[in-house]
Amino acid sequence: MPHSDAASPATRALARAKVKHTLHAYEHDPANHHYGEEGAAQLGFSPEVMFKTLVVKLEGSGVRNPLAIGVVPVSGMLDLKAIASAMGAKKATMADPADAQRATGYIVGGISPLGTKKRLPTCIDSSALSHDTMLVSGGRRGLSVELAPADLIRITGATTASIAG
């Protein structure tokens, strides 16, 4: 079980949902702004199983919530056209970091798809389905959560699509 100082809205959401997961903590270097790559290197995981959580702003075609979450491998980039299409929008742009932080309750570099302040539509890159487990942010810099892709999809209500470029 994680110790109390590892608790975050993300880890509390996993505990509430009774989802089997493993926490992986590492020492974050404040000078490093490549959070996912840093986590993969520090923890010894392949960048293909380490996923970053990105908040996008959607426009057009009756979009109900202008902000959405894309979860892609740290080894790739988020394809903005692909996520717009997957979310039924005309266009997607990266959300302003302040808007992303306000909507999720997390700071950039520690944004998790789990336990967000506002429930945002979420799309996970379909490559996640080829792994037994994947890692996403545990809700703070230097904390990752390893879990089954099916569990992440279920508790976030996510869809999957090919959204990594």
C-alpha atoms as a PDB file:
ATOM      1  CA  MET A   1       0.000   0.000   0.000  1.00  0.00           C
ATOM      2  CA  PRO A   2       1.282   3.505  -0.708  1.00  0.00           C
ATOM      3  CA  HIS A   3       2.294   5.535   2.288  1.00  0.00           C
ATOM      4  CA  SER A   4       0.286   8.629   3.155  1.00  0.00           C
ATOM      5  CA  ASP A   5       2.662  11.148   1.599  1.00  0.00           C
ATOM      6  CA  ALA A   6       2.102   9.470  -1.787  1.00  0.00           C
ATOM      7  CA  ALA A   7      -1.640  10.191  -1.622  1.00  0.00           C
ATOM      8  CA  SER A   8      -2.965  12.395  -4.390  1.00  0.00           C
ATOM      9  CA  PRO A   9      -6.391  12.751  -6.005  1.00  0.00           C
ATOM     10  CA  ALA A  10      -5.167  10.172  -8.575  1.00  0.00           C
ATOM     11  CA  THR A  11      -4.134   7.568  -6.002  1.00  0.00           C
ATOM     12  CA  ARG A  12      -7.301   8.189  -3.984  1.00  0.00           C
ATOM     13  CA  ALA A  13      -9.401   7.652  -7.151  1.00  0.00           C
ATOM     14  CA  LEU A  14      -7.628   4.323  -7.735  1.00  0.00           C
ATOM     15  CA  ALA A  15      -8.187   3.250  -4.126  1.00  0.00           C
ATOM     16  CA  ARG A  16     -11.902   4.207  -4.307  1.00  0.00           C
ATOM     17  CA  ALA A  17     -12.297   2.222  -7.537  1.00  0.00           C
ATOM     18  CA  LYS A  18     -10.352  -0.709  -5.993  1.00  0.00           C
ATOM     19  CA  VAL A  19      -8.036  -0.793  -9.002  1.00  0.00           C
ATOM     20  CA  LYS A  20      -4.869  -2.863  -8.733  1.00  0.00           C
ATOM     21  CA  HIS A  21      -1.912  -0.540  -9.288  1.00  0.00           C
ATOM     22  CA  THR A  22       1.719   0.010  -8.368  1.00  0.00           C
ATOM     23  CA  LEU A  23       3.211   3.374  -7.428  1.00  0.00           C
ATOM     24  CA  HIS A  24       6.655   4.269  -8.725  1.00  0.00           C
ATOM     25  CA  ALA A  25       8.319   7.334  -7.188  1.00  0.00           C
ATOM     26  CA  TYR A  26      11.509   9.005  -8.352  1.00  0.00           C
ATOM     27  CA  GLU A  27      13.417  12.172  -7.578  1.00  0.00           C
ATOM     28  CA  HIS A  28      12.247  14.845 -10.047  1.00  0.00           C
ATOM     29  CA  ASP A  29      14.923  17.265 -11.253  1.00  0.00           C
ATOM     30  CA  PRO A  30      13.272  20.739 -11.282  1.00  0.00           C
ATOM     31  CA  ALA A  31      15.489  21.736 -14.232  1.00  0.00           C
ATOM     32  CA  ASN A  32      14.076  18.906 -16.383  1.00  0.00           C
ATOM     33  CA  HIS A  33      10.892  19.829 -18.261  1.00  0.00           C
ATOM     34  CA  HIS A  34      10.698  16.533 -20.172  1.00  0.00           C
ATOM     35  CA  TYR A  35       8.694  14.931 -17.380  1.00  0.00           C
ATOM     36  CA  GLY A  36       7.675  11.688 -19.094  1.00  0.00           C
ATOM     37  CA  GLU A  37      11.096  10.970 -20.532  1.00  0.00           C
ATOM     38  CA  GLU A  38      12.641  11.730 -17.141  1.00  0.00           C
ATOM     39  CA  GLY A  39      10.246   9.309 -15.432  1.00  0.00           C
ATOM     40  CA  ALA A  40      10.902   6.535 -17.940  1.00  0.00           C
ATOM     41  CA  ALA A  41      14.683   6.940 -17.579  1.00  0.00           C
ATOM     42  CA  GLN A  42      14.616   7.227 -13.758  1.00  0.00           C
ATOM     43  CA  LEU A  43      12.284   4.250 -13.327  1.00  0.00           C
ATOM     44  CA  GLY A  44      13.811   2.069 -16.046  1.00  0.00           C
ATOM     45  CA  PHE A  45      10.642   1.702 -18.138  1.00  0.00           C
ATOM     46  CA  SER A  46      10.396   1.811 -21.914  1.00  0.00           C
ATOM     47  CA  PRO A  47       9.043   5.170 -23.180  1.00  0.00           C
ATOM     48  CA  GLU A  48       6.393   3.127 -25.067  1.00  0.00           C
ATOM     49  CA  VAL A  49       4.714   2.060 -21.782  1.00  0.00           C
ATOM     50  CA  MET A  50       5.169   5.423 -20.045  1.00  0.00           C
ATOM     51  CA  PHE A  51       2.305   7.750 -21.032  1.00  0.00           C
ATOM     52  CA  LYS A  52       1.980  11.522 -20.725  1.00  0.00           C
ATOM     53  CA  THR A  53      -1.288  13.316 -20.020  1.00  0.00           C
ATOM     54  CA  LEU A  54      -1.940  16.361 -22.192  1.00  0.00           C
ATOM     55  CA  VAL A  55      -4.863  18.766 -21.987  1.00  0.00           C
ATOM     56  CA  VAL A  56      -6.251  20.098 -25.246  1.00  0.00           C
ATOM     57  CA  LYS A  57      -8.800  22.734 -26.164  1.00  0.00           C
ATOM     58  CA  LEU A  58     -11.433  21.526 -28.647  1.00  0.00           C
ATOM     59  CA  GLU A  59     -13.333  23.734 -31.075  1.00  0.00           C
ATOM     60  CA  GLY A  60     -16.345  23.290 -33.344  1.00  0.00           C
ATOM     61  CA  SER A  61     -18.968  20.627 -34.111  1.00  0.00           C
ATOM     62  CA  GLY A  62     -21.069  20.944 -30.965  1.00  0.00           C
ATOM     63  CA  VAL A  63     -18.234  20.343 -28.526  1.00  0.00           C
ATOM     64  CA  ARG A  64     -19.805  20.066 -25.048  1.00  0.00           C
ATOM     65  CA  ASN A  65     -16.626  20.488 -23.037  1.00  0.00           C
ATOM     66  CA  PRO A  66     -13.929  22.683 -24.583  1.00  0.00           C
ATOM     67  CA  LEU A  67     -11.154  20.875 -22.670  1.00  0.00           C
ATOM     68  CA  ALA A  68     -10.216  17.230 -23.083  1.00  0.00           C
ATOM     69  CA  ILE A  69      -7.376  14.912 -22.116  1.00  0.00           C
ATOM     70  CA  GLY A  70      -5.131  13.010 -24.499  1.00  0.00           C
ATOM     71  CA  VAL A  71      -2.919  10.224 -23.124  1.00  0.00           C
ATOM     72  CA  VAL A  72      -0.018   9.268 -25.395  1.00  0.00           C
ATOM     73  CA  PRO A  73       3.313   7.441 -25.014  1.00  0.00           C
ATOM     74  CA  VAL A  74       6.147   9.742 -23.935  1.00  0.00           C
ATOM     75  CA  SER A  75       8.038   8.391 -26.959  1.00  0.00           C
ATOM     76  CA  GLY A  76       5.552  10.135 -29.275  1.00  0.00           C
ATOM     77  CA  MET A  77       3.692  13.381 -29.795  1.00  0.00           C
ATOM     78  CA  LEU A  78      -0.013  14.095 -29.571  1.00  0.00           C
ATOM     79  CA  ASP A  79      -1.516  14.339 -33.064  1.00  0.00           C
ATOM     80  CA  LEU A  80      -3.885  17.308 -32.686  1.00  0.00           C
ATOM     81  CA  LYS A  81      -5.869  16.476 -35.842  1.00  0.00           C
ATOM     82  CA  ALA A  82      -6.336  12.885 -34.666  1.00  0.00           C
ATOM     83  CA  ILE A  83      -7.562  13.827 -31.186  1.00  0.00           C
ATOM     84  CA  ALA A  84      -9.905  16.455 -32.633  1.00  0.00           C
ATOM     85  CA  SER A  85     -11.382  13.789 -34.894  1.00  0.00           C
ATOM     86  CA  ALA A  86     -11.578  11.214 -32.078  1.00  0.00           C
ATOM     87  CA  MET A  87     -13.396  13.730 -29.864  1.00  0.00           C
ATOM     88  CA  GLY A  88     -15.798  14.877 -32.594  1.00  0.00           C
ATOM     89  CA  ALA A  89     -14.288  18.359 -32.850  1.00  0.00           C
ATOM     90  CA  LYS A  90     -13.162  20.365 -35.851  1.00  0.00           C
ATOM     91  CA  LYS A  91      -9.896  21.477 -34.255  1.00  0.00           C
ATOM     92  CA  ALA A  92      -7.724  20.812 -31.218  1.00  0.00           C
ATOM     93  CA  THR A  93      -4.948  22.989 -29.804  1.00  0.00           C
ATOM     94  CA  MET A  94      -2.868  22.565 -26.680  1.00  0.00           C
ATOM     95  CA  ALA A  95      -4.706  24.092 -23.721  1.00  0.00           C
ATOM     96  CA  ASP A  96      -3.206  27.041 -21.921  1.00  0.00           C
ATOM     97  CA  PRO A  97      -1.211  25.580 -18.977  1.00  0.00           C
ATOM     98  CA  ALA A  98      -3.163  27.718 -16.473  1.00  0.00           C
ATOM     99  CA  ASP A  99      -6.485  26.404 -17.868  1.00  0.00           C
ATOM    100  CA  ALA A 100      -5.158  22.832 -17.753  1.00  0.00           C
ATOM    101  CA  GLN A 101      -4.081  23.266 -14.133  1.00  0.00           C
ATOM    102  CA  ARG A 102      -7.414  24.863 -13.134  1.00  0.00           C
ATOM    103  CA  ALA A 103      -9.507  22.119 -14.764  1.00  0.00           C
ATOM    104  CA  THR A 104      -7.444  19.169 -13.527  1.00  0.00           C
ATOM    105  CA  GLY A 105      -6.254  20.416 -10.151  1.00  0.00           C
ATOM    106  CA  TYR A 106      -2.730  19.288 -11.033  1.00  0.00           C
ATOM    107  CA  ILE A 107       0.421  21.192 -11.985  1.00  0.00           C
ATOM    108  CA  VAL A 108       1.979  20.785 -15.438  1.00  0.00           C
ATOM    109  CA  GLY A 109       4.363  17.838 -15.324  1.00  0.00           C
ATOM    110  CA  GLY A 110       2.147  16.140 -12.763  1.00  0.00           C
ATOM    111  CA  ILE A 111      -1.209  16.106 -14.588  1.00  0.00           C
ATOM    112  CA  SER A 112      -2.860  12.714 -14.244  1.00  0.00           C
ATOM    113  CA  PRO A 113      -5.877  11.437 -16.172  1.00  0.00           C
ATOM    114  CA  LEU A 114      -7.081  10.090 -12.806  1.00  0.00           C
ATOM    115  CA  GLY A 115      -8.826  12.094 -10.094  1.00  0.00           C
ATOM    116  CA  THR A 116      -9.095  15.343 -12.032  1.00  0.00           C
ATOM    117  CA  LYS A 117     -10.997  18.214 -10.395  1.00  0.00           C
ATOM    118  CA  LYS A 118     -13.371  18.406 -13.389  1.00  0.00           C
ATOM    119  CA  ARG A 119     -14.106  15.173 -15.246  1.00  0.00           C
ATOM    120  CA  LEU A 120     -12.792  15.817 -18.754  1.00  0.00           C
ATOM    121  CA  PRO A 121     -13.439  13.714 -21.857  1.00  0.00           C
ATOM    122  CA  THR A 122     -10.398  11.471 -22.216  1.00  0.00           C
ATOM    123  CA  CYS A 123      -8.863   9.677 -25.185  1.00  0.00           C
ATOM    124  CA  ILE A 124      -6.019   7.192 -24.709  1.00  0.00           C
ATOM    125  CA  ASP A 125      -3.752   6.282 -27.601  1.00  0.00           C
ATOM    126  CA  SER A 126      -4.724   2.811 -28.802  1.00  0.00           C
ATOM    127  CA  SER A 127      -1.099   1.637 -28.491  1.00  0.00           C
ATOM    128  CA  ALA A 128      -1.809   1.310 -24.742  1.00  0.00           C
ATOM    129  CA  LEU A 129      -3.942  -1.742 -25.522  1.00  0.00           C
ATOM    130  CA  SER A 130      -0.854  -3.673 -26.671  1.00  0.00           C
ATOM    131  CA  HIS A 131       0.677  -3.532 -23.157  1.00  0.00           C
ATOM    132  CA  ASP A 132      -0.232  -5.556 -20.055  1.00  0.00           C
ATOM    133  CA  THR A 133       0.388  -2.458 -17.952  1.00  0.00           C
ATOM    134  CA  MET A 134       1.079   1.199 -18.637  1.00  0.00           C
ATOM    135  CA  LEU A 135       2.292   4.097 -16.505  1.00  0.00           C
ATOM    136  CA  VAL A 136       0.653   7.500 -16.134  1.00  0.00           C
ATOM    137  CA  SER A 137       1.283  10.369 -13.754  1.00  0.00           C
ATOM    138  CA  GLY A 138       0.276   9.710 -10.182  1.00  0.00           C
ATOM    139  CA  GLY A 139      -0.757  13.334  -9.753  1.00  0.00           C
ATOM    140  CA  ARG A 140       2.553  14.986  -8.959  1.00  0.00           C
ATOM    141  CA  ARG A 141       5.968  15.328 -10.521  1.00  0.00           C
ATOM    142  CA  GLY A 142       8.075  12.318  -9.592  1.00  0.00           C
ATOM    143  CA  LEU A 143       5.163   9.895  -9.078  1.00  0.00           C
ATOM    144  CA  SER A 144       3.902   7.426 -11.672  1.00  0.00           C
ATOM    145  CA  VAL A 145       1.147   4.848 -11.408  1.00  0.00           C
ATOM    146  CA  GLU A 146       1.365   1.501 -13.188  1.00  0.00           C
ATOM    147  CA  LEU A 147      -1.970  -0.114 -14.032  1.00  0.00           C
ATOM    148  CA  ALA A 148      -3.742  -2.159 -16.685  1.00  0.00           C
ATOM    149  CA  PRO A 149      -4.908  -0.099 -19.694  1.00  0.00           C
ATOM    150  CA  ALA A 150      -8.434  -1.552 -19.346  1.00  0.00           C
ATOM    151  CA  ASP A 151      -8.628  -0.244 -15.760  1.00  0.00           C
ATOM    152  CA  LEU A 152      -7.517   3.252 -16.806  1.00  0.00           C
ATOM    153  CA  ILE A 153     -10.081   3.262 -19.618  1.00  0.00           C
ATOM    154  CA  ARG A 154     -12.842   2.084 -17.272  1.00  0.00           C
ATOM    155  CA  ILE A 155     -12.292   4.549 -14.432  1.00  0.00           C
ATOM    156  CA  THR A 156     -11.708   7.583 -16.668  1.00  0.00           C
ATOM    157  CA  GLY A 157     -14.520   6.690 -19.075  1.00  0.00           C
ATOM    158  CA  ALA A 158     -11.951   7.073 -21.858  1.00  0.00           C
ATOM    159  CA  THR A 159     -12.171   6.190 -25.489  1.00  0.00           C
ATOM    160  CA  THR A 160      -9.188   4.875 -27.430  1.00  0.00           C
ATOM    161  CA  ALA A 161      -7.964   6.000 -30.828  1.00  0.00           C
ATOM    162  CA  SER A 162      -4.704   6.357 -32.698  1.00  0.00           C
ATOM    163  CA  ILE A 163      -3.815   9.850 -31.450  1.00  0.00           C
ATOM    164  CA  ALA A 164      -0.014   9.652 -31.202  1.00  0.00           C
ATOM    165  CA  GLY A 165       2.049  11.051 -34.057  1.00  0.00           C
END
